Amino acid sequence: MSVHIRVHHWVIWWFWLGVVFGAVALVNILVRDLPRTEDRVVLLVSALFWVIGGVFCFALEGVKLESRSDWAGRRNSAGPRLGADCESHAASDFLLPGTRKSLLPFRH
């Protein structure tokens, strides 16, 4: 069974921000001579950052897992199953009014 993962762009930014801050925290723990309590505080704050990110992603539906059949049905069908993030237009919406252009090729 194939699965389609839909991820909002802010989730990717949150992930990379966590990676950068985690790298900074790791360098501070390994390089600097911090007391044991400060090491624990840095690890706690880093863990809270990831937990809060996970809660936000779950609450705001930032990451959705869909089966391949649901995703294909949403993409190929018109009507109420498209959702708010999908938009469809008729081909005539892309023509400028009054230019007498046609989507079909000219017949002689």
PDB file of N, CA and C in Angstrom:
ATOM      1  N   MET A   1       0.841  -1.172   0.000  1.00  0.00           N
ATOM      2  CA  MET A   1       0.000   0.000   0.000  1.00  0.00           C
ATOM      3  C   MET A   1       0.888   1.237   0.000  1.00  0.00           C
ATOM      4  N   SER A   2       0.709   2.109  -0.957  1.00  0.00           N
ATOM      5  CA  SER A   2       1.503   3.322  -1.011  1.00  0.00           C
ATOM      6  C   SER A   2       0.800   4.444  -0.254  1.00  0.00           C
ATOM      7  N   VAL A   3       1.599   5.301   0.337  1.00  0.00           N
ATOM      8  CA  VAL A   3       1.082   6.381   1.166  1.00  0.00           C
ATOM      9  C   VAL A   3       1.610   7.699   0.618  1.00  0.00           C
ATOM     10  N   HIS A   4       0.734   8.697   0.564  1.00  0.00           N
ATOM     11  CA  HIS A   4       1.109  10.035   0.124  1.00  0.00           C
ATOM     12  C   HIS A   4       1.163  10.933   1.351  1.00  0.00           C
ATOM     13  N   ILE A   5       2.272  11.623   1.551  1.00  0.00           N
ATOM     14  CA  ILE A   5       2.446  12.499   2.700  1.00  0.00           C
ATOM     15  C   ILE A   5       2.333  13.943   2.223  1.00  0.00           C
ATOM     16  N   ARG A   6       1.391  14.684   2.811  1.00  0.00           N
ATOM     17  CA  ARG A   6       1.229  16.096   2.497  1.00  0.00           C
ATOM     18  C   ARG A   6       1.787  16.903   3.654  1.00  0.00           C
ATOM     19  N   VAL A   7       2.777  17.750   3.378  1.00  0.00           N
ATOM     20  CA  VAL A   7       3.456  18.525   4.415  1.00  0.00           C
ATOM     21  C   VAL A   7       3.346  20.004   4.064  1.00  0.00           C
ATOM     22  N   HIS A   8       2.893  20.822   5.016  1.00  0.00           N
ATOM     23  CA  HIS A   8       2.842  22.263   4.809  1.00  0.00           C
ATOM     24  C   HIS A   8       4.253  22.839   4.863  1.00  0.00           C
ATOM     25  N   HIS A   9       4.442  23.982   4.199  1.00  0.00           N
ATOM     26  CA  HIS A   9       5.780  24.565   4.119  1.00  0.00           C
ATOM     27  C   HIS A   9       6.295  25.025   5.482  1.00  0.00           C
ATOM     28  N   TRP A  10       5.421  25.452   6.376  1.00  0.00           N
ATOM     29  CA  TRP A  10       5.887  25.910   7.686  1.00  0.00           C
ATOM     30  C   TRP A  10       6.417  24.752   8.526  1.00  0.00           C
ATOM     31  N   VAL A  11       5.955  23.548   8.251  1.00  0.00           N
ATOM     32  CA  VAL A  11       6.471  22.379   8.984  1.00  0.00           C
ATOM     33  C   VAL A  11       7.933  22.143   8.604  1.00  0.00           C
ATOM     34  N   ILE A  12       8.277  22.334   7.355  1.00  0.00           N
ATOM     35  CA  ILE A  12       9.658  22.155   6.898  1.00  0.00           C
ATOM     36  C   ILE A  12      10.559  23.213   7.534  1.00  0.00           C
ATOM     37  N   TRP A  13      10.072  24.472   7.595  1.00  0.00           N
ATOM     38  CA  TRP A  13      10.847  25.527   8.251  1.00  0.00           C
ATOM     39  C   TRP A  13      11.051  25.208   9.732  1.00  0.00           C
ATOM     40  N   TRP A  14      10.003  24.733  10.393  1.00  0.00           N
ATOM     41  CA  TRP A  14      10.102  24.384  11.810  1.00  0.00           C
ATOM     42  C   TRP A  14      11.119  23.254  12.009  1.00  0.00           C
ATOM     43  N   PHE A  15      11.118  22.271  11.123  1.00  0.00           N
ATOM     44  CA  PHE A  15      12.061  21.159  11.211  1.00  0.00           C
ATOM     45  C   PHE A  15      13.503  21.647  11.095  1.00  0.00           C
ATOM     46  N   TRP A  16      13.790  22.456  10.063  1.00  0.00           N
ATOM     47  CA  TRP A  16      15.168  22.911   9.864  1.00  0.00           C
ATOM     48  C   TRP A  16      15.607  23.876  10.959  1.00  0.00           C
ATOM     49  N   LEU A  17      14.679  24.653  11.492  1.00  0.00           N
ATOM     50  CA  LEU A  17      15.014  25.510  12.625  1.00  0.00           C
ATOM     51  C   LEU A  17      15.385  24.661  13.837  1.00  0.00           C
ATOM     52  N   GLY A  18      14.669  23.575  14.048  1.00  0.00           N
ATOM     53  CA  GLY A  18      15.001  22.653  15.128  1.00  0.00           C
ATOM     54  C   GLY A  18      16.341  21.978  14.919  1.00  0.00           C
ATOM     55  N   VAL A  19      16.675  21.643  13.687  1.00  0.00           N
ATOM     56  CA  VAL A  19      17.981  21.026  13.404  1.00  0.00           C
ATOM     57  C   VAL A  19      19.110  22.014  13.705  1.00  0.00           C
ATOM     58  N   VAL A  20      18.939  23.264  13.291  1.00  0.00           N
ATOM     59  CA  VAL A  20      19.978  24.273  13.524  1.00  0.00           C
ATOM     60  C   VAL A  20      20.143  24.533  15.016  1.00  0.00           C
ATOM     61  N   PHE A  21      19.029  24.757  15.715  1.00  0.00           N
ATOM     62  CA  PHE A  21      19.120  25.006  17.161  1.00  0.00           C
ATOM     63  C   PHE A  21      19.635  23.775  17.907  1.00  0.00           C
ATOM     64  N   GLY A  22      19.284  22.595  17.448  1.00  0.00           N
ATOM     65  CA  GLY A  22      19.805  21.380  18.061  1.00  0.00           C
ATOM     66  C   GLY A  22      21.303  21.251  17.879  1.00  0.00           C
ATOM     67  N   ALA A  23      21.798  21.627  16.697  1.00  0.00           N
ATOM     68  CA  ALA A  23      23.243  21.590  16.458  1.00  0.00           C
ATOM     69  C   ALA A  23      23.968  22.592  17.357  1.00  0.00           C
ATOM     70  N   VAL A  24      23.385  23.773  17.518  1.00  0.00           N
ATOM     71  CA  VAL A  24      23.985  24.775  18.411  1.00  0.00           C
ATOM     72  C   VAL A  24      24.003  24.257  19.844  1.00  0.00           C
ATOM     73  N   ALA A  25      22.896  23.660  20.277  1.00  0.00           N
ATOM     74  CA  ALA A  25      22.830  23.113  21.639  1.00  0.00           C
ATOM     75  C   ALA A  25      23.852  21.989  21.820  1.00  0.00           C
ATOM     76  N   LEU A  26      23.989  21.137  20.825  1.00  0.00           N
ATOM     77  CA  LEU A  26      24.944  20.032  20.916  1.00  0.00           C
ATOM     78  C   LEU A  26      26.384  20.541  20.986  1.00  0.00           C
ATOM     79  N   VAL A  27      26.692  21.559  20.200  1.00  0.00           N
ATOM     80  CA  VAL A  27      28.036  22.144  20.243  1.00  0.00           C
ATOM     81  C   VAL A  27      28.281  22.773  21.615  1.00  0.00           C
ATOM     82  N   ASN A  28      27.284  23.466  22.165  1.00  0.00           N
ATOM     83  CA  ASN A  28      27.449  24.063  23.488  1.00  0.00           C
ATOM     84  C   ASN A  28      27.664  23.004  24.559  1.00  0.00           C
ATOM     85  N   ILE A  29      26.977  21.892  24.454  1.00  0.00           N
ATOM     86  CA  ILE A  29      27.134  20.838  25.455  1.00  0.00           C
ATOM     87  C   ILE A  29      28.496  20.172  25.346  1.00  0.00           C
ATOM     88  N   LEU A  30      28.941  19.900  24.112  1.00  0.00           N
ATOM     89  CA  LEU A  30      30.195  19.168  23.928  1.00  0.00           C
ATOM     90  C   LEU A  30      31.442  20.034  24.073  1.00  0.00           C
ATOM     91  N   VAL A  31      31.391  21.277  23.581  1.00  0.00           N
ATOM     92  CA  VAL A  31      32.591  22.110  23.535  1.00  0.00           C
ATOM     93  C   VAL A  31      32.773  22.916  24.819  1.00  0.00           C
ATOM     94  N   ARG A  32      31.705  23.542  25.264  1.00  0.00           N
ATOM     95  CA  ARG A  32      31.818  24.385  26.459  1.00  0.00           C
ATOM     96  C   ARG A  32      31.760  23.516  27.715  1.00  0.00           C
ATOM     97  N   ASP A  33      32.362  24.009  28.758  1.00  0.00           N
ATOM     98  CA  ASP A  33      32.387  23.285  30.028  1.00  0.00           C
ATOM     99  C   ASP A  33      31.214  23.772  30.884  1.00  0.00           C
ATOM    100  N   LEU A  34      30.014  23.302  30.547  1.00  0.00           N
ATOM    101  CA  LEU A  34      28.816  23.715  31.273  1.00  0.00           C
ATOM    102  C   LEU A  34      28.597  22.804  32.485  1.00  0.00           C
ATOM    103  N   PRO A  35      28.040  23.362  33.540  1.00  0.00           N
ATOM    104  CA  PRO A  35      27.671  22.500  34.676  1.00  0.00           C
ATOM    105  C   PRO A  35      26.583  21.511  34.267  1.00  0.00           C
ATOM    106  N   ARG A  36      26.450  20.465  35.046  1.00  0.00           N
ATOM    107  CA  ARG A  36      25.498  19.391  34.712  1.00  0.00           C
ATOM    108  C   ARG A  36      24.063  19.905  34.657  1.00  0.00           C
ATOM    109  N   THR A  37      23.700  20.831  35.516  1.00  0.00           N
ATOM    110  CA  THR A  37      22.320  21.352  35.492  1.00  0.00           C
ATOM    111  C   THR A  37      22.051  22.142  34.220  1.00  0.00           C
ATOM    112  N   GLU A  38      23.036  22.890  33.749  1.00  0.00           N
ATOM    113  CA  GLU A  38      22.842  23.644  32.498  1.00  0.00           C
ATOM    114  C   GLU A  38      22.746  22.699  31.304  1.00  0.00           C
ATOM    115  N   ASP A  39      23.502  21.608  31.330  1.00  0.00           N
ATOM    116  CA  ASP A  39      23.363  20.595  30.275  1.00  0.00           C
ATOM    117  C   ASP A  39      21.938  20.060  30.227  1.00  0.00           C
ATOM    118  N   ARG A  40      21.392  19.771  31.379  1.00  0.00           N
ATOM    119  CA  ARG A  40      20.020  19.251  31.448  1.00  0.00           C
ATOM    120  C   ARG A  40      19.007  20.288  30.987  1.00  0.00           C
ATOM    121  N   VAL A  41      19.224  21.557  31.333  1.00  0.00           N
ATOM    122  CA  VAL A  41      18.303  22.616  30.897  1.00  0.00           C
ATOM    123  C   VAL A  41      18.336  22.755  29.380  1.00  0.00           C
ATOM    124  N   VAL A  42      19.533  22.712  28.786  1.00  0.00           N
ATOM    125  CA  VAL A  42      19.651  22.814  27.324  1.00  0.00           C
ATOM    126  C   VAL A  42      18.958  21.632  26.655  1.00  0.00           C
ATOM    127  N   LEU A  43      19.135  20.439  27.173  1.00  0.00           N
ATOM    128  CA  LEU A  43      18.468  19.259  26.610  1.00  0.00           C
ATOM    129  C   LEU A  43      16.951  19.341  26.792  1.00  0.00           C
ATOM    130  N   LEU A  44      16.497  19.841  27.935  1.00  0.00           N
ATOM    131  CA  LEU A  44      15.066  19.977  28.185  1.00  0.00           C
ATOM    132  C   LEU A  44      14.430  20.982  27.230  1.00  0.00           C
ATOM    133  N   VAL A  45      15.070  22.123  27.038  1.00  0.00           N
ATOM    134  CA  VAL A  45      14.539  23.133  26.117  1.00  0.00           C
ATOM    135  C   VAL A  45      14.521  22.587  24.688  1.00  0.00           C
ATOM    136  N   SER A  46      15.552  21.863  24.293  1.00  0.00           N
ATOM    137  CA  SER A  46      15.586  21.273  22.944  1.00  0.00           C
ATOM    138  C   SER A  46      14.472  20.250  22.762  1.00  0.00           C
ATOM    139  N   ALA A  47      14.265  19.412  23.776  1.00  0.00           N
ATOM    140  CA  ALA A  47      13.188  18.416  23.693  1.00  0.00           C
ATOM    141  C   ALA A  47      11.822  19.095  23.656  1.00  0.00           C
ATOM    142  N   LEU A  48      11.644  20.151  24.440  1.00  0.00           N
ATOM    143  CA  LEU A  48      10.371  20.883  24.418  1.00  0.00           C
ATOM    144  C   LEU A  48      10.103  21.512  23.051  1.00  0.00           C
ATOM    145  N   PHE A  49      11.157  22.007  22.394  1.00  0.00           N
ATOM    146  CA  PHE A  49      10.995  22.575  21.055  1.00  0.00           C
ATOM    147  C   PHE A  49      10.420  21.537  20.098  1.00  0.00           C
ATOM    148  N   TRP A  50      10.961  20.312  20.117  1.00  0.00           N
ATOM    149  CA  TRP A  50      10.482  19.256  19.225  1.00  0.00           C
ATOM    150  C   TRP A  50       9.082  18.798  19.606  1.00  0.00           C
ATOM    151  N   VAL A  51       8.787  18.734  20.905  1.00  0.00           N
ATOM    152  CA  VAL A  51       7.449  18.312  21.339  1.00  0.00           C
ATOM    153  C   VAL A  51       6.411  19.350  20.937  1.00  0.00           C
ATOM    154  N   ILE A  52       6.712  20.618  21.161  1.00  0.00           N
ATOM    155  CA  ILE A  52       5.776  21.679  20.778  1.00  0.00           C
ATOM    156  C   ILE A  52       5.571  21.676  19.264  1.00  0.00           C
ATOM    157  N   GLY A  53       6.637  21.460  18.505  1.00  0.00           N
ATOM    158  CA  GLY A  53       6.495  21.365  17.048  1.00  0.00           C
ATOM    159  C   GLY A  53       5.601  20.214  16.641  1.00  0.00           C
ATOM    160  N   GLY A  54       5.748  19.076  17.299  1.00  0.00           N
ATOM    161  CA  GLY A  54       4.895  17.928  16.995  1.00  0.00           C
ATOM    162  C   GLY A  54       3.441  18.181  17.341  1.00  0.00           C
ATOM    163  N   VAL A  55       3.193  18.843  18.469  1.00  0.00           N
ATOM    164  CA  VAL A  55       1.815  19.165  18.867  1.00  0.00           C
ATOM    165  C   VAL A  55       1.196  20.149  17.884  1.00  0.00           C
ATOM    166  N   PHE A  56       1.955  21.161  17.474  1.00  0.00           N
ATOM    167  CA  PHE A  56       1.436  22.121  16.498  1.00  0.00           C
ATOM    168  C   PHE A  56       1.125  21.437  15.174  1.00  0.00           C
ATOM    169  N   CYS A  57       2.017  20.567  14.710  1.00  0.00           N
ATOM    170  CA  CYS A  57       1.780  19.869  13.439  1.00  0.00           C
ATOM    171  C   CYS A  57       0.525  19.006  13.524  1.00  0.00           C
ATOM    172  N   PHE A  58       0.324  18.354  14.658  1.00  0.00           N
ATOM    173  CA  PHE A  58      -0.861  17.516  14.831  1.00  0.00           C
ATOM    174  C   PHE A  58      -2.119  18.374  14.929  1.00  0.00           C
ATOM    175  N   ALA A  59      -2.069  19.450  15.715  1.00  0.00           N
ATOM    176  CA  ALA A  59      -3.250  20.279  15.937  1.00  0.00           C
ATOM    177  C   ALA A  59      -3.662  21.039  14.680  1.00  0.00           C
ATOM    178  N   LEU A  60      -2.708  21.525  13.936  1.00  0.00           N
ATOM    179  CA  LEU A  60      -3.014  22.315  12.732  1.00  0.00           C
ATOM    180  C   LEU A  60      -2.998  21.476  11.467  1.00  0.00           C
ATOM    181  N   GLU A  61      -2.901  20.170  11.610  1.00  0.00           N
ATOM    182  CA  GLU A  61      -2.865  19.237  10.483  1.00  0.00           C
ATOM    183  C   GLU A  61      -1.795  19.634   9.470  1.00  0.00           C
ATOM    184  N   GLY A  62      -0.601  19.906   9.990  1.00  0.00           N
ATOM    185  CA  GLY A  62       0.522  20.290   9.140  1.00  0.00           C
ATOM    186  C   GLY A  62       1.052  19.142   8.312  1.00  0.00           C
ATOM    187  N   VAL A  63       0.899  17.923   8.818  1.00  0.00           N
ATOM    188  CA  VAL A  63       1.343  16.732   8.100  1.00  0.00           C
ATOM    189  C   VAL A  63       0.159  15.781   8.022  1.00  0.00           C
ATOM    190  N   LYS A  64      -0.179  15.362   6.809  1.00  0.00           N
ATOM    191  CA  LYS A  64      -1.290  14.436   6.612  1.00  0.00           C
ATOM    192  C   LYS A  64      -0.797  13.216   5.853  1.00  0.00           C
ATOM    193  N   LEU A  65      -1.227  12.056   6.302  1.00  0.00           N
ATOM    194  CA  LEU A  65      -0.933  10.809   5.600  1.00  0.00           C
ATOM    195  C   LEU A  65      -2.201  10.358   4.898  1.00  0.00           C
ATOM    196  N   GLU A  66      -2.115  10.130   3.603  1.00  0.00           N
ATOM    197  CA  GLU A  66      -3.251   9.681   2.812  1.00  0.00           C
ATOM    198  C   GLU A  66      -2.847   8.445   2.030  1.00  0.00           C
ATOM    199  N   SER A  67      -3.792   7.533   1.887  1.00  0.00           N
ATOM    200  CA  SER A  67      -3.504   6.383   1.035  1.00  0.00           C
ATOM    201  C   SER A  67      -3.490   6.838  -0.415  1.00  0.00           C
ATOM    202  N   ARG A  68      -2.848   6.092  -1.241  1.00  0.00           N
ATOM    203  CA  ARG A  68      -2.693   6.486  -2.645  1.00  0.00           C
ATOM    204  C   ARG A  68      -4.045   6.584  -3.343  1.00  0.00           C
ATOM    205  N   SER A  69      -5.000   5.737  -2.993  1.00  0.00           N
ATOM    206  CA  SER A  69      -6.308   5.777  -3.652  1.00  0.00           C
ATOM    207  C   SER A  69      -7.065   7.047  -3.270  1.00  0.00           C
ATOM    208  N   ASP A  70      -6.962   7.501  -2.017  1.00  0.00           N
ATOM    209  CA  ASP A  70      -7.616   8.750  -1.619  1.00  0.00           C
ATOM    210  C   ASP A  70      -7.004   9.934  -2.339  1.00  0.00           C
ATOM    211  N   TRP A  71      -5.671   9.940  -2.463  1.00  0.00           N
ATOM    212  CA  TRP A  71      -4.990  11.043  -3.108  1.00  0.00           C
ATOM    213  C   TRP A  71      -5.336  11.099  -4.596  1.00  0.00           C
ATOM    214  N   ALA A  72      -5.366   9.934  -5.268  1.00  0.00           N
ATOM    215  CA  ALA A  72      -5.691   9.896  -6.693  1.00  0.00           C
ATOM    216  C   ALA A  72      -7.144  10.293  -6.920  1.00  0.00           C
ATOM    217  N   GLY A  73      -8.037   9.879  -6.025  1.00  0.00           N
ATOM    218  CA  GLY A  73      -9.442  10.259  -6.151  1.00  0.00           C
ATOM    219  C   GLY A  73      -9.634  11.750  -5.983  1.00  0.00           C
ATOM    220  N   ARG A  74      -8.881  12.367  -5.090  1.00  0.00           N
ATOM    221  CA  ARG A  74      -8.997  13.803  -4.878  1.00  0.00           C
ATOM    222  C   ARG A  74      -8.460  14.569  -6.076  1.00  0.00           C
ATOM    223  N   ARG A  75      -7.364  14.086  -6.660  1.00  0.00           N
ATOM    224  CA  ARG A  75      -6.731  14.804  -7.760  1.00  0.00           C
ATOM    225  C   ARG A  75      -7.515  14.680  -9.060  1.00  0.00           C
ATOM    226  N   ASN A  76      -8.153  13.537  -9.317  1.00  0.00           N
ATOM    227  CA  ASN A  76      -8.790  13.299 -10.602  1.00  0.00           C
ATOM    228  C   ASN A  76     -10.253  13.697 -10.655  1.00  0.00           C
ATOM    229  N   SER A  77     -10.894  13.826  -9.536  1.00  0.00           N
ATOM    230  CA  SER A  77     -12.321  14.123  -9.575  1.00  0.00           C
ATOM    231  C   SER A  77     -12.565  15.591  -9.300  1.00  0.00           C
ATOM    232  N   ALA A  78     -13.654  16.090  -9.837  1.00  0.00           N
ATOM    233  CA  ALA A  78     -14.053  17.469  -9.590  1.00  0.00           C
ATOM    234  C   ALA A  78     -15.175  17.466  -8.567  1.00  0.00           C
ATOM    235  N   GLY A  79     -15.415  18.599  -7.964  1.00  0.00           N
ATOM    236  CA  GLY A  79     -16.514  18.694  -7.018  1.00  0.00           C
ATOM    237  C   GLY A  79     -16.039  18.946  -5.611  1.00  0.00           C
ATOM    238  N   PRO A  80     -16.861  18.589  -4.650  1.00  0.00           N
ATOM    239  CA  PRO A  80     -16.557  18.949  -3.275  1.00  0.00           C
ATOM    240  C   PRO A  80     -15.375  18.203  -2.669  1.00  0.00           C
ATOM    241  N   ARG A  81     -14.878  17.130  -3.294  1.00  0.00           N
ATOM    242  CA  ARG A  81     -13.757  16.370  -2.732  1.00  0.00           C
ATOM    243  C   ARG A  81     -12.411  17.041  -2.972  1.00  0.00           C
ATOM    244  N   LEU A  82     -12.367  18.123  -3.746  1.00  0.00           N
ATOM    245  CA  LEU A  82     -11.097  18.768  -4.037  1.00  0.00           C
ATOM    246  C   LEU A  82     -10.479  19.417  -2.810  1.00  0.00           C
ATOM    247  N   GLY A  83     -11.249  20.024  -1.968  1.00  0.00           N
ATOM    248  CA  GLY A  83     -10.715  20.673  -0.783  1.00  0.00           C
ATOM    249  C   GLY A  83     -10.427  22.135  -1.039  1.00  0.00           C
ATOM    250  N   ALA A  84     -10.076  22.842   0.015  1.00  0.00           N
ATOM    251  CA  ALA A  84      -9.872  24.284  -0.069  1.00  0.00           C
ATOM    252  C   ALA A  84      -8.546  24.637  -0.733  1.00  0.00           C
ATOM    253  N   ASP A  85      -7.558  23.748  -0.690  1.00  0.00           N
ATOM    254  CA  ASP A  85      -6.258  24.081  -1.244  1.00  0.00           C
ATOM    255  C   ASP A  85      -6.142  23.786  -2.736  1.00  0.00           C
ATOM    256  N   CYS A  86      -7.119  23.109  -3.318  1.00  0.00           N
ATOM    257  CA  CYS A  86      -7.118  22.825  -4.748  1.00  0.00           C
ATOM    258  C   CYS A  86      -8.093  23.765  -5.433  1.00  0.00           C
ATOM    259  N   GLU A  87      -7.734  24.204  -6.609  1.00  0.00           N
ATOM    260  CA  GLU A  87      -8.567  25.151  -7.325  1.00  0.00           C
ATOM    261  C   GLU A  87      -8.604  24.741  -8.786  1.00  0.00           C
ATOM    262  N   SER A  88      -9.770  24.831  -9.399  1.00  0.00           N
ATOM    263  CA  SER A  88      -9.874  24.487 -10.809  1.00  0.00           C
ATOM    264  C   SER A  88     -10.493  25.650 -11.570  1.00  0.00           C
ATOM    265  N   HIS A  89     -10.105  25.781 -12.827  1.00  0.00           N
ATOM    266  CA  HIS A  89     -10.609  26.829 -13.698  1.00  0.00           C
ATOM    267  C   HIS A  89     -11.001  26.226 -15.033  1.00  0.00           C
ATOM    268  N   ALA A  90     -11.989  26.827 -15.648  1.00  0.00           N
ATOM    269  CA  ALA A  90     -12.343  26.444 -17.010  1.00  0.00           C
ATOM    270  C   ALA A  90     -11.278  26.990 -17.949  1.00  0.00           C
ATOM    271  N   ALA A  91     -11.111  26.348 -19.091  1.00  0.00           N
ATOM    272  CA  ALA A  91     -10.093  26.785 -20.043  1.00  0.00           C
ATOM    273  C   ALA A  91     -10.366  28.200 -20.543  1.00  0.00           C
ATOM    274  N   SER A  92     -11.624  28.598 -20.614  1.00  0.00           N
ATOM    275  CA  SER A  92     -11.953  29.933 -21.102  1.00  0.00           C
ATOM    276  C   SER A  92     -11.539  31.031 -20.125  1.00  0.00           C
ATOM    277  N   ASP A  93     -11.233  30.685 -18.888  1.00  0.00           N
ATOM    278  CA  ASP A  93     -10.777  31.688 -17.922  1.00  0.00           C
ATOM    279  C   ASP A  93      -9.410  32.244 -18.284  1.00  0.00           C
ATOM    280  N   PHE A  94      -8.647  31.538 -19.105  1.00  0.00           N
ATOM    281  CA  PHE A  94      -7.308  31.968 -19.453  1.00  0.00           C
ATOM    282  C   PHE A  94      -7.252  32.764 -20.755  1.00  0.00           C
ATOM    283  N   LEU A  95      -8.382  33.007 -21.364  1.00  0.00           N
ATOM    284  CA  LEU A  95      -8.437  33.817 -22.582  1.00  0.00           C
ATOM    285  C   LEU A  95      -8.775  35.251 -22.221  1.00  0.00           C
ATOM    286  N   LEU A  96      -8.165  36.185 -22.903  1.00  0.00           N
ATOM    287  CA  LEU A  96      -8.507  37.584 -22.681  1.00  0.00           C
ATOM    288  C   LEU A  96      -9.763  37.922 -23.474  1.00  0.00           C
ATOM    289  N   PRO A  97     -10.708  38.600 -22.845  1.00  0.00           N
ATOM    290  CA  PRO A  97     -11.935  38.934 -23.569  1.00  0.00           C
ATOM    291  C   PRO A  97     -11.658  39.943 -24.676  1.00  0.00           C
ATOM    292  N   GLY A  98     -12.345  39.777 -25.786  1.00  0.00           N
ATOM    293  CA  GLY A  98     -12.233  40.706 -26.900  1.00  0.00           C
ATOM    294  C   GLY A  98     -11.072  40.454 -27.827  1.00  0.00           C
ATOM    295  N   THR A  99     -10.277  39.439 -27.635  1.00  0.00           N
ATOM    296  CA  THR A  99      -9.135  39.199 -28.518  1.00  0.00           C
ATOM    297  C   THR A  99      -9.459  38.206 -29.616  1.00  0.00           C
ATOM    298  N   ARG A 100     -10.663  37.631 -29.589  1.00  0.00           N
ATOM    299  CA  ARG A 100     -11.118  36.643 -30.573  1.00  0.00           C
ATOM    300  C   ARG A 100     -10.145  35.481 -30.716  1.00  0.00           C
ATOM    301  N   LYS A 101      -9.512  35.110 -29.628  1.00  0.00           N
ATOM    302  CA  LYS A 101      -8.624  33.954 -29.626  1.00  0.00           C
ATOM    303  C   LYS A 101      -9.442  32.727 -29.256  1.00  0.00           C
ATOM    304  N   SER A 102      -8.972  31.586 -29.686  1.00  0.00           N
ATOM    305  CA  SER A 102      -9.649  30.346 -29.390  1.00  0.00           C
ATOM    306  C   SER A 102      -8.630  29.343 -28.872  1.00  0.00           C
ATOM    307  N   LEU A 103      -9.097  28.434 -28.074  1.00  0.00           N
ATOM    308  CA  LEU A 103      -8.212  27.382 -27.595  1.00  0.00           C
ATOM    309  C   LEU A 103      -7.951  26.319 -28.657  1.00  0.00           C
ATOM    310  N   LEU A 104      -8.883  26.206 -29.582  1.00  0.00           N
ATOM    311  CA  LEU A 104      -8.737  25.206 -30.630  1.00  0.00           C
ATOM    312  C   LEU A 104      -7.941  25.789 -31.795  1.00  0.00           C
ATOM    313  N   PRO A 105      -7.190  24.961 -32.547  1.00  0.00           N
ATOM    314  CA  PRO A 105      -6.427  25.485 -33.681  1.00  0.00           C
ATOM    315  C   PRO A 105      -7.339  26.011 -34.779  1.00  0.00           C
ATOM    316  N   PHE A 106      -6.833  26.969 -35.532  1.00  0.00           N
ATOM    317  CA  PHE A 106      -7.598  27.588 -36.613  1.00  0.00           C
ATOM    318  C   PHE A 106      -7.800  26.595 -37.755  1.00  0.00           C
ATOM    319  N   ARG A 107      -9.039  26.521 -38.250  1.00  0.00           N
ATOM    320  CA  ARG A 107      -9.349  25.641 -39.380  1.00  0.00           C
ATOM    321  C   ARG A 107      -9.419  26.452 -40.663  1.00  0.00           C
ATOM    322  N   HIS A 108      -8.856  25.949 -41.728  1.00  0.00           N
ATOM    323  CA  HIS A 108      -8.894  26.638 -43.030  1.00  0.00           C
ATOM    324  C   HIS A 108     -10.105  26.257 -43.806  1.00  0.00           C
TER     325      HIS A 108
END
